């Protein structure tokens, strides 16, 4: 049996919205081969994150706002197990 992506009970949706979204996902992935199914996440990151290509966070800023955001994104990615690089 194929493990289709689904919306968990804890997601911020009404039961009707969650049912619609789960039906949409089931239809979307119904004919997808198992080898092309999305990778399940572990603690917000793919289980194979250690072998994954680093996340490249690019930014351009005159005021520093984009740089601050890029640093927050890189820190969050690192906390979720991803390797990352930042560049400007």
PDB file of N, CA and C in Angstrom:
ATOM      1  N   UNK A   1       0.834  -1.180   0.000  1.00  0.00           N
ATOM      2  CA  UNK A   1       0.000   0.000   0.000  1.00  0.00           C
ATOM      3  C   UNK A   1       0.882   1.248   0.000  1.00  0.00           C
ATOM      4  N   UNK A   2       0.492   2.229  -0.741  1.00  0.00           N
ATOM      5  CA  UNK A   2       1.238   3.469  -0.868  1.00  0.00           C
ATOM      6  C   UNK A   2       0.889   4.416   0.283  1.00  0.00           C
ATOM      7  N   UNK A   3       1.894   5.052   0.843  1.00  0.00           N
ATOM      8  CA  UNK A   3       1.669   6.054   1.875  1.00  0.00           C
ATOM      9  C   UNK A   3       1.490   7.407   1.213  1.00  0.00           C
ATOM     10  N   UNK A   4       0.242   7.845   1.091  1.00  0.00           N
ATOM     11  CA  UNK A   4      -0.056   9.131   0.479  1.00  0.00           C
ATOM     12  C   UNK A   4       0.154  10.249   1.482  1.00  0.00           C
ATOM     13  N   UNK A   5       0.592  11.430   1.016  1.00  0.00           N
ATOM     14  CA  UNK A   5       0.671  12.576   1.917  1.00  0.00           C
ATOM     15  C   UNK A   5      -0.732  12.920   2.410  1.00  0.00           C
ATOM     16  N   UNK A   6      -0.830  13.406   3.627  1.00  0.00           N
ATOM     17  CA  UNK A   6      -2.127  13.769   4.180  1.00  0.00           C
ATOM     18  C   UNK A   6      -1.969  14.942   5.150  1.00  0.00           C
ATOM     19  N   UNK A   7      -3.086  15.574   5.453  1.00  0.00           N
ATOM     20  CA  UNK A   7      -3.121  16.686   6.394  1.00  0.00           C
ATOM     21  C   UNK A   7      -3.396  16.100   7.782  1.00  0.00           C
ATOM     22  N   UNK A   8      -2.501  16.295   8.757  1.00  0.00           N
ATOM     23  CA  UNK A   8      -2.715  15.706  10.086  1.00  0.00           C
ATOM     24  C   UNK A   8      -3.850  16.377  10.851  1.00  0.00           C
ATOM     25  N   UNK A   9      -4.363  15.683  11.845  1.00  0.00           N
ATOM     26  CA  UNK A   9      -5.454  16.196  12.674  1.00  0.00           C
ATOM     27  C   UNK A   9      -5.076  17.502  13.369  1.00  0.00           C
ATOM     28  N   UNK A  10      -3.791  17.688  13.632  1.00  0.00           N
ATOM     29  CA  UNK A  10      -3.329  18.884  14.356  1.00  0.00           C
ATOM     30  C   UNK A  10      -3.185  20.117  13.471  1.00  0.00           C
ATOM     31  N   UNK A  11      -3.361  19.957  12.163  1.00  0.00           N
ATOM     32  CA  UNK A  11      -3.239  21.094  11.238  1.00  0.00           C
ATOM     33  C   UNK A  11      -4.380  22.085  11.494  1.00  0.00           C
ATOM     34  N   UNK A  12      -4.121  23.363  11.276  1.00  0.00           N
ATOM     35  CA  UNK A  12      -5.130  24.389  11.598  1.00  0.00           C
ATOM     36  C   UNK A  12      -6.232  24.514  10.539  1.00  0.00           C
ATOM     37  N   UNK A  13      -6.966  23.416  10.314  1.00  0.00           N
ATOM     38  CA  UNK A  13      -8.066  23.399   9.347  1.00  0.00           C
ATOM     39  C   UNK A  13      -9.314  22.845  10.020  1.00  0.00           C
ATOM     40  N   UNK A  14     -10.464  23.219   9.494  1.00  0.00           N
ATOM     41  CA  UNK A  14     -11.711  22.614   9.969  1.00  0.00           C
ATOM     42  C   UNK A  14     -11.752  21.174   9.455  1.00  0.00           C
ATOM     43  N   UNK A  15     -12.583  20.327  10.042  1.00  0.00           N
ATOM     44  CA  UNK A  15     -12.696  18.951   9.529  1.00  0.00           C
ATOM     45  C   UNK A  15     -13.083  18.910   8.047  1.00  0.00           C
ATOM     46  N   UNK A  16     -13.944  19.824   7.618  1.00  0.00           N
ATOM     47  CA  UNK A  16     -14.348  19.861   6.208  1.00  0.00           C
ATOM     48  C   UNK A  16     -13.170  20.242   5.306  1.00  0.00           C
ATOM     49  N   UNK A  17     -12.389  21.236   5.731  1.00  0.00           N
ATOM     50  CA  UNK A  17     -11.228  21.650   4.936  1.00  0.00           C
ATOM     51  C   UNK A  17     -10.209  20.510   4.862  1.00  0.00           C
ATOM     52  N   UNK A  18      -9.958  19.856   6.006  1.00  0.00           N
ATOM     53  CA  UNK A  18      -8.991  18.763   6.042  1.00  0.00           C
ATOM     54  C   UNK A  18      -9.450  17.618   5.136  1.00  0.00           C
ATOM     55  N   UNK A  19     -10.752  17.299   5.154  1.00  0.00           N
ATOM     56  CA  UNK A  19     -11.276  16.233   4.288  1.00  0.00           C
ATOM     57  C   UNK A  19     -11.093  16.597   2.826  1.00  0.00           C
ATOM     58  N   UNK A  20     -11.379  17.846   2.466  1.00  0.00           N
ATOM     59  CA  UNK A  20     -11.213  18.268   1.072  1.00  0.00           C
ATOM     60  C   UNK A  20      -9.750  18.186   0.666  1.00  0.00           C
ATOM     61  N   UNK A  21      -8.866  18.710   1.508  1.00  0.00           N
ATOM     62  CA  UNK A  21      -7.434  18.683   1.191  1.00  0.00           C
ATOM     63  C   UNK A  21      -6.903  17.258   1.083  1.00  0.00           C
ATOM     64  N   UNK A  22      -7.325  16.388   1.997  1.00  0.00           N
ATOM     65  CA  UNK A  22      -6.874  14.997   1.934  1.00  0.00           C
ATOM     66  C   UNK A  22      -7.384  14.305   0.671  1.00  0.00           C
ATOM     67  N   UNK A  23      -8.615  14.597   0.261  1.00  0.00           N
ATOM     68  CA  UNK A  23      -9.133  14.055  -0.996  1.00  0.00           C
ATOM     69  C   UNK A  23      -8.357  14.575  -2.189  1.00  0.00           C
ATOM     70  N   UNK A  24      -8.024  15.865  -2.156  1.00  0.00           N
ATOM     71  CA  UNK A  24      -7.231  16.458  -3.232  1.00  0.00           C
ATOM     72  C   UNK A  24      -5.860  15.795  -3.318  1.00  0.00           C
ATOM     73  N   UNK A  25      -5.194  15.629  -2.174  1.00  0.00           N
ATOM     74  CA  UNK A  25      -3.870  14.984  -2.166  1.00  0.00           C
ATOM     75  C   UNK A  25      -3.955  13.537  -2.639  1.00  0.00           C
ATOM     76  N   UNK A  26      -4.998  12.823  -2.225  1.00  0.00           N
ATOM     77  CA  UNK A  26      -5.163  11.426  -2.657  1.00  0.00           C
ATOM     78  C   UNK A  26      -5.308  11.349  -4.174  1.00  0.00           C
ATOM     79  N   UNK A  27      -6.113  12.249  -4.744  1.00  0.00           N
ATOM     80  CA  UNK A  27      -6.272  12.264  -6.192  1.00  0.00           C
ATOM     81  C   UNK A  27      -5.001  12.688  -6.913  1.00  0.00           C
ATOM     82  N   UNK A  28      -4.311  13.656  -6.338  1.00  0.00           N
ATOM     83  CA  UNK A  28      -3.085  14.174  -6.951  1.00  0.00           C
ATOM     84  C   UNK A  28      -1.994  13.103  -7.029  1.00  0.00           C
ATOM     85  N   UNK A  29      -1.894  12.301  -5.968  1.00  0.00           N
ATOM     86  CA  UNK A  29      -0.815  11.305  -5.905  1.00  0.00           C
ATOM     87  C   UNK A  29      -1.281   9.889  -6.237  1.00  0.00           C
ATOM     88  N   UNK A  30      -2.510   9.712  -6.698  1.00  0.00           N
ATOM     89  CA  UNK A  30      -3.065   8.386  -6.950  1.00  0.00           C
ATOM     90  C   UNK A  30      -2.260   7.584  -7.970  1.00  0.00           C
ATOM     91  N   UNK A  31      -1.748   8.219  -9.001  1.00  0.00           N
ATOM     92  CA  UNK A  31      -1.044   7.499 -10.069  1.00  0.00           C
ATOM     93  C   UNK A  31       0.458   7.741 -10.068  1.00  0.00           C
ATOM     94  N   UNK A  32       0.976   8.275  -8.974  1.00  0.00           N
ATOM     95  CA  UNK A  32       2.413   8.544  -8.884  1.00  0.00           C
ATOM     96  C   UNK A  32       3.131   7.262  -8.463  1.00  0.00           C
ATOM     97  N   UNK A  33       4.168   6.854  -9.195  1.00  0.00           N
ATOM     98  CA  UNK A  33       4.921   5.667  -8.781  1.00  0.00           C
ATOM     99  C   UNK A  33       5.551   5.875  -7.403  1.00  0.00           C
ATOM    100  N   UNK A  34       5.691   4.787  -6.651  1.00  0.00           N
ATOM    101  CA  UNK A  34       6.252   4.860  -5.305  1.00  0.00           C
ATOM    102  C   UNK A  34       7.618   5.540  -5.302  1.00  0.00           C
ATOM    103  N   UNK A  35       8.411   5.337  -6.322  1.00  0.00           N
ATOM    104  CA  UNK A  35       9.758   5.920  -6.373  1.00  0.00           C
ATOM    105  C   UNK A  35       9.728   7.437  -6.511  1.00  0.00           C
ATOM    106  N   UNK A  36       8.584   8.008  -6.908  1.00  0.00           N
ATOM    107  CA  UNK A  36       8.488   9.451  -7.079  1.00  0.00           C
ATOM    108  C   UNK A  36       7.635  10.118  -5.998  1.00  0.00           C
ATOM    109  N   UNK A  37       7.245   9.355  -4.988  1.00  0.00           N
ATOM    110  CA  UNK A  37       6.443   9.917  -3.900  1.00  0.00           C
ATOM    111  C   UNK A  37       7.297  10.865  -3.068  1.00  0.00           C
ATOM    112  N   UNK A  38       6.679  11.876  -2.446  1.00  0.00           N
ATOM    113  CA  UNK A  38       7.437  12.787  -1.587  1.00  0.00           C
ATOM    114  C   UNK A  38       8.101  12.034  -0.445  1.00  0.00           C
ATOM    115  N   UNK A  39       9.253  12.515  -0.016  1.00  0.00           N
ATOM    116  CA  UNK A  39       9.993  11.903   1.082  1.00  0.00           C
ATOM    117  C   UNK A  39       9.340  12.309   2.400  1.00  0.00           C
ATOM    118  N   UNK A  40       9.021  11.345   3.266  1.00  0.00           N
ATOM    119  CA  UNK A  40       8.453  11.707   4.569  1.00  0.00           C
ATOM    120  C   UNK A  40       9.431  12.552   5.371  1.00  0.00           C
ATOM    121  N   UNK A  41       8.907  13.496   6.137  1.00  0.00           N
ATOM    122  CA  UNK A  41       9.741  14.369   6.942  1.00  0.00           C
ATOM    123  C   UNK A  41       9.918  13.804   8.341  1.00  0.00           C
ATOM    124  N   UNK A  42      11.114  13.977   8.889  1.00  0.00           N
ATOM    125  CA  UNK A  42      11.414  13.609  10.258  1.00  0.00           C
ATOM    126  C   UNK A  42      11.859  14.869  10.966  1.00  0.00           C
ATOM    127  N   UNK A  43      11.093  15.317  11.925  1.00  0.00           N
ATOM    128  CA  UNK A  43      11.409  16.552  12.646  1.00  0.00           C
ATOM    129  C   UNK A  43      11.517  17.730  11.687  1.00  0.00           C
ATOM    130  N   UNK A  44      10.669  17.767  10.674  1.00  0.00           N
ATOM    131  CA  UNK A  44      10.643  18.889   9.750  1.00  0.00           C
ATOM    132  C   UNK A  44      11.667  18.809   8.633  1.00  0.00           C
ATOM    133  N   UNK A  45      12.488  17.767   8.593  1.00  0.00           N
ATOM    134  CA  UNK A  45      13.514  17.637   7.557  1.00  0.00           C
ATOM    135  C   UNK A  45      13.466  16.227   6.984  1.00  0.00           C
ATOM    136  N   UNK A  46      13.820  16.063   5.710  1.00  0.00           N
ATOM    137  CA  UNK A  46      13.864  14.713   5.151  1.00  0.00           C
ATOM    138  C   UNK A  46      14.805  13.828   5.951  1.00  0.00           C
ATOM    139  N   UNK A  47      14.473  12.545   6.040  1.00  0.00           N
ATOM    140  CA  UNK A  47      15.296  11.613   6.802  1.00  0.00           C
ATOM    141  C   UNK A  47      16.722  11.556   6.275  1.00  0.00           C
ATOM    142  N   UNK A  48      16.919  11.820   5.001  1.00  0.00           N
ATOM    143  CA  UNK A  48      18.254  11.760   4.402  1.00  0.00           C
ATOM    144  C   UNK A  48      18.888  13.138   4.295  1.00  0.00           C
ATOM    145  N   UNK A  49      18.554  14.062   5.190  1.00  0.00           N
ATOM    146  CA  UNK A  49      19.062  15.438   5.109  1.00  0.00           C
ATOM    147  C   UNK A  49      20.577  15.502   5.197  1.00  0.00           C
ATOM    148  N   UNK A  50      21.197  14.548   5.897  1.00  0.00           N
ATOM    149  CA  UNK A  50      22.653  14.575   6.038  1.00  0.00           C
ATOM    150  C   UNK A  50      23.343  14.426   4.686  1.00  0.00           C
ATOM    151  N   UNK A  51      22.732  13.690   3.772  1.00  0.00           N
ATOM    152  CA  UNK A  51      23.326  13.481   2.462  1.00  0.00           C
ATOM    153  C   UNK A  51      22.789  14.447   1.414  1.00  0.00           C
ATOM    154  N   UNK A  52      21.865  15.309   1.794  1.00  0.00           N
ATOM    155  CA  UNK A  52      21.236  16.217   0.846  1.00  0.00           C
ATOM    156  C   UNK A  52      22.162  17.372   0.498  1.00  0.00           C
ATOM    157  N   UNK A  53      21.890  17.968  -0.638  1.00  0.00           N
ATOM    158  CA  UNK A  53      22.634  19.144  -1.057  1.00  0.00           C
ATOM    159  C   UNK A  53      22.322  20.289  -0.093  1.00  0.00           C
ATOM    160  N   UNK A  54      23.314  21.113   0.261  1.00  0.00           N
ATOM    161  CA  UNK A  54      23.060  22.207   1.193  1.00  0.00           C
ATOM    162  C   UNK A  54      22.022  23.191   0.648  1.00  0.00           C
ATOM    163  N   UNK A  55      21.244  23.751   1.554  1.00  0.00           N
ATOM    164  CA  UNK A  55      20.284  24.788   1.201  1.00  0.00           C
ATOM    165  C   UNK A  55      21.053  26.081   0.975  1.00  0.00           C
ATOM    166  N   UNK A  56      20.876  26.677  -0.174  1.00  0.00           N
ATOM    167  CA  UNK A  56      21.554  27.935  -0.488  1.00  0.00           C
ATOM    168  C   UNK A  56      20.575  29.072  -0.268  1.00  0.00           C
ATOM    169  N   UNK A  57      20.881  29.960   0.665  1.00  0.00           N
ATOM    170  CA  UNK A  57      20.036  31.102   0.984  1.00  0.00           C
ATOM    171  C   UNK A  57      20.696  32.337   0.392  1.00  0.00           C
ATOM    172  N   UNK A  58      20.067  32.892  -0.644  1.00  0.00           N
ATOM    173  CA  UNK A  58      20.585  34.089  -1.297  1.00  0.00           C
ATOM    174  C   UNK A  58      19.806  35.311  -0.825  1.00  0.00           C
ATOM    175  N   UNK A  59      20.486  36.443  -0.714  1.00  0.00           N
ATOM    176  CA  UNK A  59      19.794  37.668  -0.351  1.00  0.00           C
ATOM    177  C   UNK A  59      20.533  38.870  -0.901  1.00  0.00           C
ATOM    178  N   UNK A  60      19.811  39.946  -1.028  1.00  0.00           N
ATOM    179  CA  UNK A  60      20.381  41.229  -1.422  1.00  0.00           C
ATOM    180  C   UNK A  60      19.684  42.284  -0.585  1.00  0.00           C
ATOM    181  N   UNK A  61      20.441  43.190   0.010  1.00  0.00           N
ATOM    182  CA  UNK A  61      19.826  44.125   0.939  1.00  0.00           C
ATOM    183  C   UNK A  61      20.580  45.436   0.981  1.00  0.00           C
ATOM    184  N   UNK A  62      19.838  46.515   1.044  1.00  0.00           N
ATOM    185  CA  UNK A  62      20.436  47.824   1.289  1.00  0.00           C
ATOM    186  C   UNK A  62      20.250  48.231   2.742  1.00  0.00           C
ATOM    187  N   UNK A  63      19.185  47.744   3.359  1.00  0.00           N
ATOM    188  CA  UNK A  63      18.863  48.154   4.722  1.00  0.00           C
ATOM    189  C   UNK A  63      19.191  47.090   5.756  1.00  0.00           C
ATOM    190  N   UNK A  64      19.515  45.873   5.321  1.00  0.00           N
ATOM    191  CA  UNK A  64      19.821  44.791   6.241  1.00  0.00           C
ATOM    192  C   UNK A  64      18.632  43.898   6.552  1.00  0.00           C
ATOM    193  N   UNK A  65      17.436  44.279   6.105  1.00  0.00           N
ATOM    194  CA  UNK A  65      16.250  43.481   6.390  1.00  0.00           C
ATOM    195  C   UNK A  65      16.346  42.099   5.758  1.00  0.00           C
ATOM    196  N   UNK A  66      16.716  42.035   4.488  1.00  0.00           N
ATOM    197  CA  UNK A  66      16.815  40.746   3.795  1.00  0.00           C
ATOM    198  C   UNK A  66      17.929  39.887   4.402  1.00  0.00           C
ATOM    199  N   UNK A  67      19.003  40.515   4.814  1.00  0.00           N
ATOM    200  CA  UNK A  67      20.097  39.758   5.430  1.00  0.00           C
ATOM    201  C   UNK A  67      19.633  39.129   6.743  1.00  0.00           C
ATOM    202  N   UNK A  68      18.895  39.893   7.524  1.00  0.00           N
ATOM    203  CA  UNK A  68      18.367  39.356   8.777  1.00  0.00           C
ATOM    204  C   UNK A  68      17.430  38.186   8.542  1.00  0.00           C
ATOM    205  N   UNK A  69      16.571  38.314   7.544  1.00  0.00           N
ATOM    206  CA  UNK A  69      15.653  37.232   7.202  1.00  0.00           C
ATOM    207  C   UNK A  69      16.426  36.006   6.721  1.00  0.00           C
ATOM    208  N   UNK A  70      17.434  36.207   5.896  1.00  0.00           N
ATOM    209  CA  UNK A  70      18.241  35.094   5.386  1.00  0.00           C
ATOM    210  C   UNK A  70      18.935  34.362   6.530  1.00  0.00           C
ATOM    211  N   UNK A  71      19.422  35.110   7.510  1.00  0.00           N
ATOM    212  CA  UNK A  71      20.069  34.478   8.660  1.00  0.00           C
ATOM    213  C   UNK A  71      19.073  33.662   9.483  1.00  0.00           C
ATOM    214  N   UNK A  72      17.844  34.178   9.628  1.00  0.00           N
ATOM    215  CA  UNK A  72      16.817  33.436  10.358  1.00  0.00           C
ATOM    216  C   UNK A  72      16.445  32.157   9.617  1.00  0.00           C
ATOM    217  N   UNK A  73      16.314  32.246   8.279  1.00  0.00           N
ATOM    218  CA  UNK A  73      15.985  31.064   7.472  1.00  0.00           C
ATOM    219  C   UNK A  73      17.100  30.029   7.599  1.00  0.00           C
ATOM    220  N   UNK A  74      18.360  30.460   7.517  1.00  0.00           N
ATOM    221  CA  UNK A  74      19.493  29.540   7.623  1.00  0.00           C
ATOM    222  C   UNK A  74      19.531  28.886   9.000  1.00  0.00           C
ATOM    223  N   UNK A  75      19.259  29.653  10.044  1.00  0.00           N
ATOM    224  CA  UNK A  75      19.265  29.107  11.402  1.00  0.00           C
ATOM    225  C   UNK A  75      18.147  28.081  11.570  1.00  0.00           C
ATOM    226  N   UNK A  76      16.959  28.396  11.058  1.00  0.00           N
ATOM    227  CA  UNK A  76      15.829  27.470  11.137  1.00  0.00           C
ATOM    228  C   UNK A  76      16.138  26.184  10.368  1.00  0.00           C
ATOM    229  N   UNK A  77      16.739  26.314   9.199  1.00  0.00           N
ATOM    230  CA  UNK A  77      17.097  25.134   8.403  1.00  0.00           C
ATOM    231  C   UNK A  77      18.103  24.274   9.153  1.00  0.00           C
ATOM    232  N   UNK A  78      19.063  24.912   9.802  1.00  0.00           N
ATOM    233  CA  UNK A  78      20.067  24.165  10.558  1.00  0.00           C
ATOM    234  C   UNK A  78      19.416  23.431  11.735  1.00  0.00           C
ATOM    235  N   UNK A  79      18.482  24.078  12.418  1.00  0.00           N
ATOM    236  CA  UNK A  79      17.791  23.442  13.535  1.00  0.00           C
ATOM    237  C   UNK A  79      16.972  22.247  13.073  1.00  0.00           C
ATOM    238  N   UNK A  80      16.526  22.265  11.817  1.00  0.00           N
ATOM    239  CA  UNK A  80      15.740  21.154  11.279  1.00  0.00           C
ATOM    240  C   UNK A  80      16.619  20.094  10.627  1.00  0.00           C
ATOM    241  N   UNK A  81      17.926  20.241  10.731  1.00  0.00           N
ATOM    242  CA  UNK A  81      18.828  19.207  10.253  1.00  0.00           C
ATOM    243  C   UNK A  81      19.399  19.425   8.871  1.00  0.00           C
ATOM    244  N   UNK A  82      19.173  20.570   8.276  1.00  0.00           N
ATOM    245  CA  UNK A  82      19.672  20.841   6.933  1.00  0.00           C
ATOM    246  C   UNK A  82      21.007  21.570   6.997  1.00  0.00           C
ATOM    247  N   UNK A  83      21.866  21.244   6.066  1.00  0.00           N
ATOM    248  CA  UNK A  83      23.083  22.038   5.916  1.00  0.00           C
ATOM    249  C   UNK A  83      22.703  23.234   5.048  1.00  0.00           C
ATOM    250  N   UNK A  84      23.294  24.370   5.275  1.00  0.00           N
ATOM    251  CA  UNK A  84      22.939  25.548   4.492  1.00  0.00           C
ATOM    252  C   UNK A  84      24.165  26.405   4.244  1.00  0.00           C
ATOM    253  N   UNK A  85      24.016  27.249   3.226  1.00  0.00           N
ATOM    254  CA  UNK A  85      25.025  28.264   2.885  1.00  0.00           C
ATOM    255  C   UNK A  85      24.280  29.567   2.684  1.00  0.00           C
ATOM    256  N   UNK A  86      24.903  30.671   3.027  1.00  0.00           N
ATOM    257  CA  UNK A  86      24.313  31.978   2.786  1.00  0.00           C
ATOM    258  C   UNK A  86      25.233  32.758   1.860  1.00  0.00           C
ATOM    259  N   UNK A  87      24.640  33.576   1.018  1.00  0.00           N
ATOM    260  CA  UNK A  87      25.418  34.385   0.095  1.00  0.00           C
ATOM    261  C   UNK A  87      24.665  35.661  -0.194  1.00  0.00           C
ATOM    262  N   UNK A  88      25.411  36.720  -0.520  1.00  0.00           N
ATOM    263  CA  UNK A  88      24.783  37.984  -0.918  1.00  0.00           C
ATOM    264  C   UNK A  88      25.540  38.592  -2.085  1.00  0.00           C
TER     265      UNK A  88
END
